[in-house]
Amino acid sequence: MALTPINISLDAELTEERASEIQPSKTFALNLESGKIGDYIDGEAAIQQFIRKAIYTARNRYLIYSDAYGSEVDELISQSLPFSVLKIEIPRLIEEAIIYDDRIESVGNFELSQESDGLFVTFTVTLTNGEIIESEVIL
């Protein structure tokens, strides 16, 4: 005997419908240079921030993050490898760092250039909604 007049199958349908909706990606704006937290950001700005933060955060170094979060880019760069090796490995490590996010469909079109002590990486991120974001990081 049910205590409420609500049909359980109706509740399951509502839950499934709500789960399939695109959830907002609202988060706090982080200034990575100054370390200050700002107002809320959403949409492309939030995704760009996720990309930079995931790439710059060392994987398995901070207990607050899961094993899937972060990248091993810093370990690779600290080995002073030839640029030819970096051109192969950096795109793979960046893709591994960000592809698990459910908003990201694919990562590609990597271009690397080395100037003095900096490594500039540009790439394209295709989102699951079809949008394309151009990203750039300095390693």
N, C-alpha and C. Protein backbone atom coordinates (compact mmCIF):
# COMPACT_ATOMS: atom_id res chain seq x y z
N MET A 1 0.83 -1.18 0.00
CA MET A 1 0.00 0.00 0.00
C MET A 1 0.88 1.25 0.00
N ALA A 2 0.64 2.13 -0.94
CA ALA A 2 1.43 3.34 -1.07
C ALA A 2 0.96 4.40 -0.08
N LEU A 3 1.88 5.14 0.46
CA LEU A 3 1.55 6.21 1.40
C LEU A 3 1.24 7.52 0.67
N THR A 4 1.68 7.64 -0.58
CA THR A 4 1.42 8.85 -1.35
C THR A 4 0.75 8.46 -2.67
N PRO A 5 0.01 9.39 -3.27
CA PRO A 5 -0.65 9.07 -4.52
C PRO A 5 0.26 9.17 -5.74
N ILE A 6 1.54 9.43 -5.53
CA ILE A 6 2.47 9.59 -6.65
C ILE A 6 2.85 8.23 -7.21
N ASN A 7 2.80 8.12 -8.51
CA ASN A 7 3.17 6.89 -9.21
C ASN A 7 4.70 6.82 -9.25
N ILE A 8 5.28 5.74 -8.79
CA ILE A 8 6.73 5.59 -8.73
C ILE A 8 7.35 5.65 -10.12
N SER A 9 6.72 5.06 -11.13
CA SER A 9 7.29 5.10 -12.47
C SER A 9 7.34 6.52 -13.00
N LEU A 10 6.40 7.37 -12.61
CA LEU A 10 6.41 8.77 -13.01
C LEU A 10 7.63 9.47 -12.41
N ASP A 11 7.92 9.18 -11.13
CA ASP A 11 9.11 9.75 -10.49
C ASP A 11 10.37 9.33 -11.22
N ALA A 12 10.47 8.08 -11.63
CA ALA A 12 11.65 7.59 -12.36
C ALA A 12 11.79 8.32 -13.68
N GLU A 13 10.66 8.58 -14.37
CA GLU A 13 10.72 9.32 -15.63
C GLU A 13 11.21 10.74 -15.41
N LEU A 14 10.72 11.39 -14.36
CA LEU A 14 11.16 12.75 -14.07
C LEU A 14 12.65 12.80 -13.74
N THR A 15 13.12 11.83 -12.98
CA THR A 15 14.53 11.77 -12.62
C THR A 15 15.39 11.57 -13.86
N GLU A 16 14.96 10.69 -14.76
CA GLU A 16 15.71 10.43 -15.99
C GLU A 16 15.72 11.67 -16.88
N GLU A 17 14.57 12.36 -16.97
CA GLU A 17 14.49 13.57 -17.78
C GLU A 17 15.40 14.65 -17.23
N ARG A 18 15.43 14.81 -15.91
CA ARG A 18 16.27 15.82 -15.28
C ARG A 18 17.76 15.49 -15.47
N ALA A 19 18.11 14.21 -15.44
CA ALA A 19 19.51 13.81 -15.60
C ALA A 19 20.01 14.08 -17.01
N SER A 20 19.10 14.04 -18.01
CA SER A 20 19.53 14.25 -19.39
C SER A 20 19.66 15.73 -19.74
N GLU A 21 19.16 16.62 -18.87
CA GLU A 21 19.30 18.05 -19.11
C GLU A 21 20.77 18.45 -18.96
N ILE A 22 21.17 19.45 -19.74
CA ILE A 22 22.54 19.95 -19.62
C ILE A 22 22.62 20.80 -18.36
N GLN A 23 23.51 20.42 -17.48
CA GLN A 23 23.67 21.12 -16.22
C GLN A 23 24.59 22.33 -16.41
N PRO A 24 24.37 23.40 -15.67
CA PRO A 24 25.27 24.56 -15.79
C PRO A 24 26.66 24.21 -15.26
N SER A 25 27.65 24.91 -15.78
CA SER A 25 29.02 24.65 -15.34
C SER A 25 29.52 25.83 -14.51
N LYS A 26 28.61 26.47 -13.79
CA LYS A 26 28.94 27.64 -12.99
C LYS A 26 29.98 27.29 -11.93
N THR A 27 30.99 28.13 -11.83
CA THR A 27 32.05 27.93 -10.85
C THR A 27 32.64 29.28 -10.49
N PHE A 28 33.51 29.31 -9.51
CA PHE A 28 34.17 30.55 -9.14
C PHE A 28 35.29 30.86 -10.13
N ALA A 29 35.47 32.13 -10.42
CA ALA A 29 36.57 32.56 -11.29
C ALA A 29 37.85 32.57 -10.46
N LEU A 30 38.87 31.88 -10.98
CA LEU A 30 40.15 31.82 -10.29
C LEU A 30 41.19 32.59 -11.08
N ASN A 31 41.90 33.48 -10.42
CA ASN A 31 43.02 34.16 -11.05
C ASN A 31 44.26 33.36 -10.68
N LEU A 32 44.75 32.56 -11.64
CA LEU A 32 45.87 31.66 -11.34
C LEU A 32 47.16 32.41 -11.05
N GLU A 33 47.30 33.63 -11.56
CA GLU A 33 48.52 34.39 -11.31
C GLU A 33 48.55 34.96 -9.89
N SER A 34 47.42 35.55 -9.45
CA SER A 34 47.40 36.18 -8.13
C SER A 34 46.89 35.25 -7.04
N GLY A 35 46.19 34.17 -7.43
CA GLY A 35 45.64 33.24 -6.46
C GLY A 35 44.34 33.72 -5.83
N LYS A 36 43.72 34.74 -6.43
CA LYS A 36 42.48 35.28 -5.88
C LYS A 36 41.27 34.64 -6.54
N ILE A 37 40.18 34.57 -5.77
CA ILE A 37 38.92 34.02 -6.25
C ILE A 37 37.97 35.17 -6.51
N GLY A 38 37.31 35.13 -7.69
CA GLY A 38 36.40 36.21 -8.06
C GLY A 38 34.96 35.75 -8.09
N ASP A 39 34.16 36.41 -8.92
CA ASP A 39 32.74 36.10 -9.05
C ASP A 39 32.56 34.78 -9.78
N TYR A 40 31.30 34.44 -10.03
CA TYR A 40 30.97 33.23 -10.76
C TYR A 40 31.22 33.40 -12.25
N ILE A 41 31.63 32.30 -12.89
CA ILE A 41 31.72 32.24 -14.35
C ILE A 41 30.98 30.99 -14.81
N ASP A 42 30.60 30.98 -16.07
CA ASP A 42 29.85 29.86 -16.62
C ASP A 42 30.19 29.75 -18.10
N GLY A 43 29.75 28.68 -18.71
CA GLY A 43 29.91 28.50 -20.15
C GLY A 43 31.36 28.33 -20.57
N GLU A 44 31.72 29.02 -21.67
CA GLU A 44 33.06 28.87 -22.23
C GLU A 44 34.16 29.31 -21.26
N ALA A 45 33.91 30.37 -20.50
CA ALA A 45 34.92 30.83 -19.53
C ALA A 45 35.19 29.77 -18.48
N ALA A 46 34.16 29.07 -18.02
CA ALA A 46 34.34 28.01 -17.02
C ALA A 46 35.10 26.83 -17.61
N ILE A 47 34.83 26.51 -18.87
CA ILE A 47 35.53 25.40 -19.51
C ILE A 47 36.99 25.76 -19.75
N GLN A 48 37.26 26.99 -20.19
CA GLN A 48 38.65 27.44 -20.37
C GLN A 48 39.41 27.36 -19.04
N GLN A 49 38.76 27.78 -17.97
CA GLN A 49 39.41 27.71 -16.66
C GLN A 49 39.69 26.27 -16.26
N PHE A 50 38.72 25.37 -16.50
CA PHE A 50 38.94 23.96 -16.20
C PHE A 50 40.14 23.42 -16.97
N ILE A 51 40.23 23.76 -18.25
CA ILE A 51 41.33 23.27 -19.10
C ILE A 51 42.67 23.71 -18.54
N ARG A 52 42.82 25.00 -18.27
CA ARG A 52 44.09 25.51 -17.74
C ARG A 52 44.42 24.88 -16.39
N LYS A 53 43.42 24.82 -15.51
CA LYS A 53 43.67 24.30 -14.17
C LYS A 53 44.03 22.82 -14.19
N ALA A 54 43.35 22.04 -15.05
CA ALA A 54 43.66 20.61 -15.14
C ALA A 54 45.06 20.37 -15.69
N ILE A 55 45.48 21.20 -16.63
CA ILE A 55 46.82 21.05 -17.21
C ILE A 55 47.90 21.48 -16.22
N TYR A 56 47.67 22.57 -15.50
CA TYR A 56 48.68 23.09 -14.58
C TYR A 56 48.75 22.35 -13.25
N THR A 57 47.74 21.56 -12.91
CA THR A 57 47.73 20.82 -11.64
C THR A 57 48.42 19.48 -11.84
N ALA A 58 49.40 19.20 -11.02
CA ALA A 58 50.13 17.93 -11.11
C ALA A 58 49.24 16.78 -10.65
N ARG A 59 49.19 15.75 -11.47
CA ARG A 59 48.36 14.58 -11.14
C ARG A 59 48.96 13.81 -9.96
N ASN A 60 48.11 13.32 -9.08
CA ASN A 60 48.48 12.50 -7.92
C ASN A 60 49.35 13.22 -6.90
N ARG A 61 49.36 14.54 -6.92
CA ARG A 61 50.16 15.27 -5.95
C ARG A 61 49.32 15.83 -4.80
N TYR A 62 48.05 16.11 -5.06
CA TYR A 62 47.18 16.73 -4.06
C TYR A 62 46.05 15.77 -3.70
N LEU A 63 45.89 15.50 -2.42
CA LEU A 63 44.88 14.55 -1.96
C LEU A 63 43.45 14.99 -2.24
N ILE A 64 43.24 16.28 -2.40
CA ILE A 64 41.89 16.78 -2.62
C ILE A 64 41.33 16.35 -3.99
N TYR A 65 42.22 16.06 -4.96
CA TYR A 65 41.78 15.68 -6.30
C TYR A 65 41.84 14.17 -6.48
N SER A 66 40.95 13.66 -7.34
CA SER A 66 40.97 12.23 -7.66
C SER A 66 42.19 11.90 -8.52
N ASP A 67 42.45 10.63 -8.72
CA ASP A 67 43.57 10.21 -9.56
C ASP A 67 43.39 10.62 -11.02
N ALA A 68 42.16 10.90 -11.43
CA ALA A 68 41.89 11.26 -12.82
C ALA A 68 42.17 12.73 -13.10
N TYR A 69 42.27 13.56 -12.07
CA TYR A 69 42.42 15.01 -12.27
C TYR A 69 43.88 15.42 -12.33
N GLY A 70 44.18 16.31 -13.26
CA GLY A 70 45.53 16.86 -13.38
C GLY A 70 46.27 16.26 -14.57
N SER A 71 47.54 16.62 -14.67
CA SER A 71 48.36 16.12 -15.78
C SER A 71 49.78 15.83 -15.30
N GLU A 72 50.52 15.15 -16.15
CA GLU A 72 51.93 14.86 -15.86
C GLU A 72 52.86 15.72 -16.70
N VAL A 73 52.36 16.84 -17.19
CA VAL A 73 53.15 17.72 -18.05
C VAL A 73 54.37 18.24 -17.31
N ASP A 74 54.22 18.63 -16.06
CA ASP A 74 55.35 19.18 -15.31
C ASP A 74 56.48 18.17 -15.15
N GLU A 75 56.14 16.89 -14.98
CA GLU A 75 57.16 15.85 -14.87
C GLU A 75 57.93 15.70 -16.19
N LEU A 76 57.21 15.77 -17.29
CA LEU A 76 57.83 15.63 -18.60
C LEU A 76 58.76 16.80 -18.90
N ILE A 77 58.32 18.00 -18.63
CA ILE A 77 59.13 19.19 -18.92
C ILE A 77 60.37 19.24 -18.03
N SER A 78 60.26 18.77 -16.80
CA SER A 78 61.40 18.82 -15.89
C SER A 78 62.53 17.88 -16.31
N GLN A 79 62.27 16.97 -17.26
CA GLN A 79 63.30 16.03 -17.70
C GLN A 79 64.22 16.58 -18.78
N SER A 80 63.99 17.80 -19.24
CA SER A 80 64.81 18.43 -20.28
C SER A 80 64.94 17.55 -21.51
N LEU A 81 63.82 17.11 -22.03
CA LEU A 81 63.80 16.26 -23.22
C LEU A 81 63.89 17.11 -24.48
N PRO A 82 64.32 16.52 -25.59
CA PRO A 82 64.38 17.26 -26.85
C PRO A 82 62.98 17.71 -27.28
N PHE A 83 62.93 18.80 -28.04
CA PHE A 83 61.65 19.35 -28.50
C PHE A 83 60.88 18.34 -29.34
N SER A 84 61.57 17.49 -30.08
CA SER A 84 60.89 16.49 -30.91
C SER A 84 60.09 15.51 -30.06
N VAL A 85 60.58 15.19 -28.88
CA VAL A 85 59.86 14.29 -27.97
C VAL A 85 58.67 15.04 -27.35
N LEU A 86 58.88 16.29 -26.98
CA LEU A 86 57.81 17.09 -26.39
C LEU A 86 56.65 17.26 -27.36
N LYS A 87 56.95 17.42 -28.66
CA LYS A 87 55.90 17.58 -29.66
C LYS A 87 54.99 16.36 -29.74
N ILE A 88 55.50 15.21 -29.37
CA ILE A 88 54.71 13.98 -29.40
C ILE A 88 53.97 13.77 -28.08
N GLU A 89 54.65 13.99 -26.97
CA GLU A 89 54.10 13.66 -25.65
C GLU A 89 53.18 14.73 -25.07
N ILE A 90 53.45 16.00 -25.27
CA ILE A 90 52.62 17.06 -24.68
C ILE A 90 51.17 16.96 -25.15
N PRO A 91 50.89 16.79 -26.44
CA PRO A 91 49.47 16.65 -26.84
C PRO A 91 48.77 15.47 -26.18
N ARG A 92 49.45 14.37 -26.04
CA ARG A 92 48.85 13.19 -25.40
C ARG A 92 48.53 13.49 -23.94
N LEU A 93 49.46 14.12 -23.24
CA LEU A 93 49.24 14.41 -21.82
C LEU A 93 48.14 15.44 -21.61
N ILE A 94 48.06 16.44 -22.49
CA ILE A 94 47.00 17.43 -22.37
C ILE A 94 45.64 16.79 -22.63
N GLU A 95 45.57 15.97 -23.66
CA GLU A 95 44.30 15.29 -23.95
C GLU A 95 43.87 14.41 -22.78
N GLU A 96 44.80 13.66 -22.21
CA GLU A 96 44.47 12.81 -21.06
C GLU A 96 44.00 13.62 -19.86
N ALA A 97 44.50 14.84 -19.72
CA ALA A 97 44.14 15.68 -18.57
C ALA A 97 42.72 16.22 -18.67
N ILE A 98 42.22 16.45 -19.88
CA ILE A 98 40.93 17.14 -19.99
C ILE A 98 39.82 16.33 -20.65
N ILE A 99 40.12 15.23 -21.32
CA ILE A 99 39.10 14.53 -22.10
C ILE A 99 38.04 13.86 -21.24
N TYR A 100 38.32 13.55 -19.99
CA TYR A 100 37.35 12.87 -19.15
C TYR A 100 36.17 13.76 -18.75
N ASP A 101 36.29 15.08 -18.92
CA ASP A 101 35.20 15.98 -18.59
C ASP A 101 34.04 15.73 -19.54
N ASP A 102 32.83 15.59 -19.01
CA ASP A 102 31.69 15.23 -19.85
C ASP A 102 31.24 16.34 -20.79
N ARG A 103 31.79 17.53 -20.67
CA ARG A 103 31.47 18.62 -21.60
C ARG A 103 32.35 18.58 -22.84
N ILE A 104 33.44 17.81 -22.80
CA ILE A 104 34.43 17.80 -23.88
C ILE A 104 34.29 16.55 -24.73
N GLU A 105 34.14 16.77 -26.04
CA GLU A 105 34.00 15.67 -27.00
C GLU A 105 35.37 15.21 -27.50
N SER A 106 36.21 16.18 -27.92
CA SER A 106 37.53 15.81 -28.46
C SER A 106 38.51 16.97 -28.31
N VAL A 107 39.79 16.63 -28.44
CA VAL A 107 40.87 17.61 -28.36
C VAL A 107 41.80 17.34 -29.53
N GLY A 108 42.23 18.38 -30.22
CA GLY A 108 43.11 18.16 -31.37
C GLY A 108 43.73 19.44 -31.88
N ASN A 109 44.30 19.35 -33.09
CA ASN A 109 44.95 20.48 -33.77
C ASN A 109 46.02 21.15 -32.90
N PHE A 110 46.89 20.35 -32.33
CA PHE A 110 47.94 20.88 -31.45
C PHE A 110 49.04 21.55 -32.25
N GLU A 111 49.48 22.69 -31.76
CA GLU A 111 50.64 23.38 -32.31
C GLU A 111 51.53 23.77 -31.14
N LEU A 112 52.80 23.37 -31.20
CA LEU A 112 53.75 23.68 -30.15
C LEU A 112 54.86 24.56 -30.70
N SER A 113 55.27 25.54 -29.93
CA SER A 113 56.43 26.34 -30.29
C SER A 113 57.22 26.63 -29.03
N GLN A 114 58.52 26.66 -29.19
CA GLN A 114 59.40 26.87 -28.05
C GLN A 114 60.13 28.18 -28.24
N GLU A 115 60.02 29.06 -27.24
CA GLU A 115 60.71 30.34 -27.26
C GLU A 115 61.42 30.52 -25.93
N SER A 116 62.71 30.68 -25.97
CA SER A 116 63.58 30.78 -24.79
C SER A 116 63.23 29.69 -23.79
N ASP A 117 62.71 30.03 -22.63
CA ASP A 117 62.42 29.00 -21.63
C ASP A 117 60.94 28.63 -21.57
N GLY A 118 60.13 29.07 -22.52
CA GLY A 118 58.69 28.79 -22.51
C GLY A 118 58.28 27.88 -23.65
N LEU A 119 57.30 27.06 -23.40
CA LEU A 119 56.73 26.17 -24.41
C LEU A 119 55.28 26.59 -24.59
N PHE A 120 54.93 27.08 -25.78
CA PHE A 120 53.58 27.57 -26.06
C PHE A 120 52.81 26.49 -26.80
N VAL A 121 51.64 26.16 -26.27
CA VAL A 121 50.82 25.10 -26.86
C VAL A 121 49.44 25.68 -27.16
N THR A 122 49.02 25.56 -28.42
CA THR A 122 47.65 25.92 -28.80
C THR A 122 46.96 24.66 -29.30
N PHE A 123 45.67 24.57 -29.03
CA PHE A 123 44.91 23.41 -29.45
C PHE A 123 43.43 23.75 -29.50
N THR A 124 42.67 22.87 -30.12
CA THR A 124 41.23 23.05 -30.29
C THR A 124 40.50 22.02 -29.45
N VAL A 125 39.47 22.49 -28.74
CA VAL A 125 38.63 21.62 -27.94
C VAL A 125 37.22 21.67 -28.53
N THR A 126 36.69 20.51 -28.88
CA THR A 126 35.32 20.41 -29.37
C THR A 126 34.44 19.94 -28.23
N LEU A 127 33.40 20.71 -27.95
CA LEU A 127 32.50 20.39 -26.85
C LEU A 127 31.39 19.46 -27.32
N THR A 128 30.72 18.82 -26.38
CA THR A 128 29.65 17.89 -26.73
C THR A 128 28.45 18.60 -27.35
N ASN A 129 28.33 19.91 -27.13
CA ASN A 129 27.23 20.66 -27.75
C ASN A 129 27.61 21.17 -29.15
N GLY A 130 28.80 20.82 -29.64
CA GLY A 130 29.23 21.20 -30.98
C GLY A 130 30.10 22.45 -31.04
N GLU A 131 30.18 23.21 -29.97
CA GLU A 131 31.01 24.41 -29.96
C GLU A 131 32.49 24.03 -30.02
N ILE A 132 33.28 24.93 -30.60
CA ILE A 132 34.73 24.71 -30.69
C ILE A 132 35.41 25.85 -29.95
N ILE A 133 36.33 25.49 -29.07
CA ILE A 133 37.08 26.46 -28.27
C ILE A 133 38.55 26.36 -28.62
N GLU A 134 39.17 27.49 -28.90
CA GLU A 134 40.62 27.55 -29.11
C GLU A 134 41.26 27.82 -27.77
N SER A 135 42.23 27.00 -27.36
CA SER A 135 42.90 27.14 -26.08
C SER A 135 44.39 27.31 -26.27
N GLU A 136 45.01 27.98 -25.31
CA GLU A 136 46.45 28.19 -25.33
C GLU A 136 46.96 28.10 -23.91
N VAL A 137 48.05 27.37 -23.73
CA VAL A 137 48.72 27.30 -22.43
C VAL A 137 50.21 27.53 -22.64
N ILE A 138 50.84 28.05 -21.61
CA ILE A 138 52.29 28.26 -21.62
C ILE A 138 52.87 27.37 -20.56
N LEU A 139 53.77 26.50 -20.96
CA LEU A 139 54.36 25.54 -20.02
C LEU A 139 55.81 25.88 -19.75
